[in-house]
N, C-alpha and C. Protein backbone atom coordinates (compact mmCIF):
# COMPACT_ATOMS: atom_id res chain seq x y z
N UNK A 1 117.84 300.72 35.90
CA UNK A 1 116.95 300.54 34.96
C UNK A 1 117.36 299.33 34.45
N UNK A 2 116.44 298.60 33.80
CA UNK A 2 116.66 297.29 33.01
C UNK A 2 116.06 297.54 31.74
N UNK A 3 116.86 297.29 30.72
CA UNK A 3 116.59 297.39 29.31
C UNK A 3 116.20 295.89 28.79
N UNK A 4 115.28 295.53 28.09
CA UNK A 4 115.24 294.29 27.38
C UNK A 4 114.96 294.61 25.96
N UNK A 5 115.70 293.89 25.21
CA UNK A 5 115.40 294.03 23.96
C UNK A 5 114.91 292.66 23.32
N UNK A 6 113.72 292.63 22.71
CA UNK A 6 112.87 291.39 22.40
C UNK A 6 113.09 291.34 20.77
N UNK A 7 113.43 290.28 20.26
CA UNK A 7 113.58 290.02 18.86
C UNK A 7 112.63 289.20 18.29
N UNK A 8 111.92 289.76 17.25
CA UNK A 8 110.57 288.99 16.92
C UNK A 8 110.78 289.02 15.28
N UNK A 9 110.56 287.64 14.77
CA UNK A 9 110.49 287.54 13.38
C UNK A 9 109.08 287.11 13.25
N UNK A 10 108.42 287.79 12.13
CA UNK A 10 106.79 287.45 11.90
C UNK A 10 106.78 287.08 10.63
N UNK A 11 105.73 286.08 10.45
CA UNK A 11 105.32 285.54 9.07
C UNK A 11 104.96 286.66 8.43
N UNK A 12 105.29 286.75 7.10
CA UNK A 12 105.22 287.90 6.13
C UNK A 12 103.72 288.29 6.02
N UNK A 13 102.81 287.49 5.99
CA UNK A 13 101.52 287.83 5.90
C UNK A 13 100.90 288.38 7.01
N UNK A 14 101.34 288.37 8.07
CA UNK A 14 101.12 288.85 9.60
C UNK A 14 101.76 290.01 9.91
N UNK A 15 102.52 290.80 9.12
CA UNK A 15 103.20 291.92 9.50
C UNK A 15 102.15 293.18 10.07
N UNK A 16 101.32 293.42 9.25
CA UNK A 16 100.50 294.64 9.61
C UNK A 16 99.62 294.26 10.95
N UNK A 17 99.15 293.18 11.04
CA UNK A 17 98.58 292.82 12.12
C UNK A 17 99.34 292.67 13.43
N UNK A 18 100.59 292.30 13.25
CA UNK A 18 101.54 292.21 14.39
C UNK A 18 101.90 293.77 14.69
N UNK A 19 102.15 294.63 13.92
CA UNK A 19 102.39 295.93 14.09
C UNK A 19 101.16 296.54 14.92
N UNK A 20 99.93 296.27 14.57
CA UNK A 20 98.78 296.96 15.16
C UNK A 20 98.56 296.42 16.53
N UNK A 21 98.95 295.05 16.82
CA UNK A 21 98.88 294.67 18.22
C UNK A 21 99.91 295.07 19.01
N UNK A 22 101.25 295.21 18.39
CA UNK A 22 102.42 295.64 19.29
C UNK A 22 102.22 297.31 19.57
N UNK A 23 101.55 297.89 18.78
CA UNK A 23 101.64 299.32 18.94
C UNK A 23 100.66 299.64 20.06
N UNK A 24 99.47 298.80 19.98
CA UNK A 24 98.62 298.80 21.15
C UNK A 24 99.13 298.59 22.51
N UNK A 25 99.73 297.39 22.42
CA UNK A 25 100.44 296.91 23.78
C UNK A 25 101.40 297.99 24.23
N UNK A 26 102.22 298.64 23.28
CA UNK A 26 103.24 299.46 23.71
C UNK A 26 102.52 300.71 24.29
N UNK A 27 101.39 301.29 23.69
CA UNK A 27 100.75 302.37 24.29
C UNK A 27 100.23 302.24 25.57
N UNK A 28 99.74 301.02 25.87
CA UNK A 28 99.18 300.52 27.08
C UNK A 28 100.35 300.38 28.25
N UNK A 29 101.32 299.90 27.76
CA UNK A 29 102.40 299.57 28.66
C UNK A 29 103.06 301.02 29.23
N UNK A 30 103.16 301.89 28.20
CA UNK A 30 103.72 303.30 28.65
C UNK A 30 102.69 303.87 29.75
N UNK A 31 101.69 303.25 29.99
CA UNK A 31 100.61 303.81 31.11
C UNK A 31 101.22 303.14 32.54
N UNK A 32 102.18 302.14 32.44
CA UNK A 32 102.54 301.56 33.75
C UNK A 32 103.39 302.24 34.34
N UNK A 33 103.50 302.40 35.72
CA UNK A 33 104.38 303.20 36.51
C UNK A 33 105.85 302.66 36.33
N UNK A 34 105.94 301.36 36.14
CA UNK A 34 107.43 300.92 35.93
C UNK A 34 108.03 300.93 34.66
N UNK A 35 107.11 301.35 33.61
CA UNK A 35 107.72 301.38 32.28
C UNK A 35 108.26 302.74 32.07
N UNK A 36 109.55 302.81 31.72
CA UNK A 36 109.95 304.21 31.23
C UNK A 36 109.86 304.63 29.98
N UNK A 37 109.96 303.45 28.98
CA UNK A 37 110.08 303.56 27.71
C UNK A 37 109.66 302.18 27.07
N UNK A 38 109.05 302.25 25.89
CA UNK A 38 108.46 301.02 25.26
C UNK A 38 108.29 301.18 23.60
N UNK A 39 109.50 300.78 22.90
CA UNK A 39 109.74 301.16 21.45
C UNK A 39 109.18 299.85 20.85
N UNK A 40 108.75 300.09 19.58
CA UNK A 40 108.37 298.95 18.42
C UNK A 40 109.12 299.38 17.23
N UNK A 41 110.13 298.72 16.84
CA UNK A 41 110.89 299.00 15.89
C UNK A 41 110.88 297.93 14.75
N UNK A 42 110.78 298.41 13.28
CA UNK A 42 110.79 297.35 12.32
C UNK A 42 112.12 297.45 11.66
N UNK A 43 112.68 296.39 11.20
CA UNK A 43 114.05 296.30 10.44
C UNK A 43 113.74 296.72 8.96
N UNK A 44 114.53 297.76 8.64
CA UNK A 44 114.41 298.20 7.28
C UNK A 44 114.61 297.40 6.09
N UNK A 45 115.59 296.35 6.23
CA UNK A 45 116.13 295.62 5.11
C UNK A 45 115.19 294.22 5.05
N UNK A 46 114.54 293.96 6.14
CA UNK A 46 113.66 292.84 6.47
C UNK A 46 112.51 293.19 7.17
N UNK A 47 111.27 293.62 6.44
CA UNK A 47 110.31 294.23 7.37
C UNK A 47 109.35 293.15 8.28
N UNK A 48 109.97 291.85 8.00
CA UNK A 48 109.23 290.90 8.91
C UNK A 48 110.05 290.62 10.43
N UNK A 49 110.84 291.26 10.51
CA UNK A 49 111.72 291.49 11.75
C UNK A 49 111.51 292.66 12.65
N UNK A 50 111.20 292.45 13.88
CA UNK A 50 110.96 293.69 14.81
C UNK A 50 111.94 293.50 15.79
N UNK A 51 112.11 294.69 16.52
CA UNK A 51 112.87 294.90 17.94
C UNK A 51 111.95 295.53 18.87
N UNK A 52 111.43 294.94 19.87
CA UNK A 52 110.80 295.64 20.91
C UNK A 52 111.99 296.07 22.09
N UNK A 53 112.05 297.36 22.44
CA UNK A 53 112.91 297.96 23.29
C UNK A 53 112.10 298.42 24.75
N UNK A 54 112.10 297.54 25.56
CA UNK A 54 111.55 297.82 26.91
C UNK A 54 112.30 298.16 27.97
N UNK A 55 112.03 299.48 28.70
CA UNK A 55 112.92 300.00 29.50
C UNK A 55 112.12 300.06 30.94
N UNK A 56 112.48 299.34 31.75
CA UNK A 56 111.97 299.37 33.12
C UNK A 56 112.51 300.02 34.15
N UNK A 57 112.02 300.49 35.32
CA UNK A 57 112.50 301.09 36.10
C UNK A 57 113.27 300.25 37.19
N UNK A 58 112.62 299.19 37.45
CA UNK A 58 113.35 298.32 38.44
C UNK A 58 113.19 296.93 37.82
N UNK A 59 113.97 295.95 38.67
CA UNK A 59 114.16 294.60 38.07
C UNK A 59 112.77 293.89 38.28
N UNK A 60 111.95 294.41 39.24
CA UNK A 60 110.63 293.58 39.34
C UNK A 60 109.56 294.20 38.38
N UNK A 61 109.74 295.10 37.52
CA UNK A 61 108.77 295.69 36.85
C UNK A 61 108.49 294.81 35.47
N UNK A 62 109.19 294.15 35.04
CA UNK A 62 109.09 293.15 33.85
C UNK A 62 108.02 292.16 34.30
N UNK A 63 107.97 291.59 35.47
CA UNK A 63 107.21 290.68 35.89
C UNK A 63 105.75 291.26 36.06
N UNK A 64 105.91 292.45 36.71
CA UNK A 64 104.43 293.17 36.81
C UNK A 64 103.90 293.38 35.30
N UNK A 65 104.56 293.85 34.46
CA UNK A 65 104.37 294.14 33.13
C UNK A 65 103.55 292.81 32.43
N UNK A 66 104.18 291.68 32.73
CA UNK A 66 103.60 290.38 32.21
C UNK A 66 102.46 289.78 32.92
N UNK A 67 101.95 290.57 33.84
CA UNK A 67 100.77 290.23 34.60
C UNK A 67 99.85 291.22 34.29
N UNK A 68 99.80 292.08 33.44
CA UNK A 68 98.80 292.98 33.05
C UNK A 68 97.94 292.40 31.92
N UNK A 69 96.77 292.82 31.72
CA UNK A 69 95.90 292.28 30.87
C UNK A 69 96.25 292.74 29.50
N UNK A 70 96.74 293.79 29.25
CA UNK A 70 97.05 294.23 27.87
C UNK A 70 98.28 293.37 27.39
N UNK A 71 99.35 293.11 28.06
CA UNK A 71 100.32 292.12 27.81
C UNK A 71 99.94 290.80 27.39
N UNK A 72 98.92 290.30 28.37
CA UNK A 72 98.51 288.84 28.05
C UNK A 72 97.69 288.69 26.83
N UNK A 73 96.96 289.93 26.52
CA UNK A 73 96.09 289.89 25.30
C UNK A 73 97.25 290.01 23.96
N UNK A 74 98.33 290.85 24.16
CA UNK A 74 99.31 290.73 23.03
C UNK A 74 99.79 289.41 23.07
N UNK A 75 100.42 288.90 24.00
CA UNK A 75 101.20 287.61 23.80
C UNK A 75 100.14 286.29 23.12
N UNK A 76 98.93 286.35 23.52
CA UNK A 76 98.03 285.63 22.85
C UNK A 76 97.64 285.87 21.50
N UNK A 77 97.52 287.06 21.07
CA UNK A 77 97.11 287.59 19.65
C UNK A 77 98.35 287.38 18.92
N UNK A 78 99.53 287.61 19.19
CA UNK A 78 100.67 287.59 18.27
C UNK A 78 101.26 285.96 18.21
N UNK A 79 100.84 285.28 19.11
CA UNK A 79 101.63 283.69 19.20
C UNK A 79 101.74 283.27 17.87
N UNK A 80 100.57 283.12 17.13
CA UNK A 80 100.68 282.31 16.04
C UNK A 80 101.15 283.29 14.85
N UNK A 81 101.38 284.54 14.85
CA UNK A 81 101.94 285.37 13.89
C UNK A 81 103.40 285.24 13.68
N UNK A 82 104.33 284.51 14.72
CA UNK A 82 105.64 284.54 14.76
C UNK A 82 106.11 283.49 13.93
N UNK A 83 107.17 283.74 13.02
CA UNK A 83 107.82 282.68 12.13
C UNK A 83 108.94 281.73 13.00
N UNK A 84 109.07 282.34 14.25
CA UNK A 84 109.92 281.51 15.04
C UNK A 84 109.70 282.14 16.45
N UNK A 85 110.32 281.35 17.50
CA UNK A 85 109.98 281.89 18.96
C UNK A 85 110.90 283.31 19.16
N UNK A 86 110.23 284.27 19.87
CA UNK A 86 110.94 285.42 20.08
C UNK A 86 112.02 284.93 21.03
N UNK A 87 113.10 286.10 21.03
CA UNK A 87 114.26 286.00 21.75
C UNK A 87 114.45 287.14 22.62
N UNK A 88 114.81 287.17 23.66
CA UNK A 88 115.17 288.41 24.30
C UNK A 88 116.49 288.62 24.97
N UNK A 89 117.20 289.88 25.27
CA UNK A 89 118.31 289.84 26.02
C UNK A 89 117.98 291.05 26.89
N UNK A 90 118.45 290.84 28.05
CA UNK A 90 118.54 291.85 29.17
C UNK A 90 119.87 292.71 29.23
N UNK A 91 119.68 293.98 29.49
CA UNK A 91 120.64 295.12 29.39
C UNK A 91 120.65 295.65 30.62
N UNK A 92 121.84 296.22 31.05
CA UNK A 92 121.92 297.20 32.39
C UNK A 92 122.38 298.56 31.74
N UNK A 93 121.67 299.56 32.31
CA UNK A 93 121.82 300.92 31.84
C UNK A 93 123.43 301.37 32.26
N UNK A 94 124.12 301.89 31.50
CA UNK A 94 125.31 302.38 31.70
C UNK A 94 125.46 304.12 31.46
N UNK A 95 124.91 304.45 30.45
CA UNK A 95 124.91 305.90 30.09
C UNK A 95 123.88 306.14 29.26
N UNK A 96 123.17 307.28 29.41
CA UNK A 96 123.12 308.37 30.08
C UNK A 96 122.67 307.78 31.66
N UNK A 97 122.95 308.68 32.55
CA UNK A 97 122.44 308.00 34.03
C UNK A 97 120.99 307.75 34.01
N UNK A 98 120.41 307.04 34.88
CA UNK A 98 118.92 306.81 35.12
C UNK A 98 118.32 307.98 35.48
N UNK A 99 117.16 308.40 34.93
CA UNK A 99 116.44 309.56 35.30
C UNK A 99 115.99 310.28 34.20
């Protein structure tokens, strides 16, 4: 498994639109064979900050995800909503076991 945490800081007046677009992208992403999990989290003490937790089955699956129409639509839709460029960190699963 490959776990990617994507940190997003959204403009305050774009929070609801970002949530709507991100939830739709997450729903579509969960239909992909290579996506095990796709969470959209909003920070409690700063609602303009989000964490996307993407769990992929293989190292190749993130590239396949980024080639989907729903990802491209999300990327283009939210581009101007961000207060700063999004950042990501990749993790390797240790526990519990994949599966």
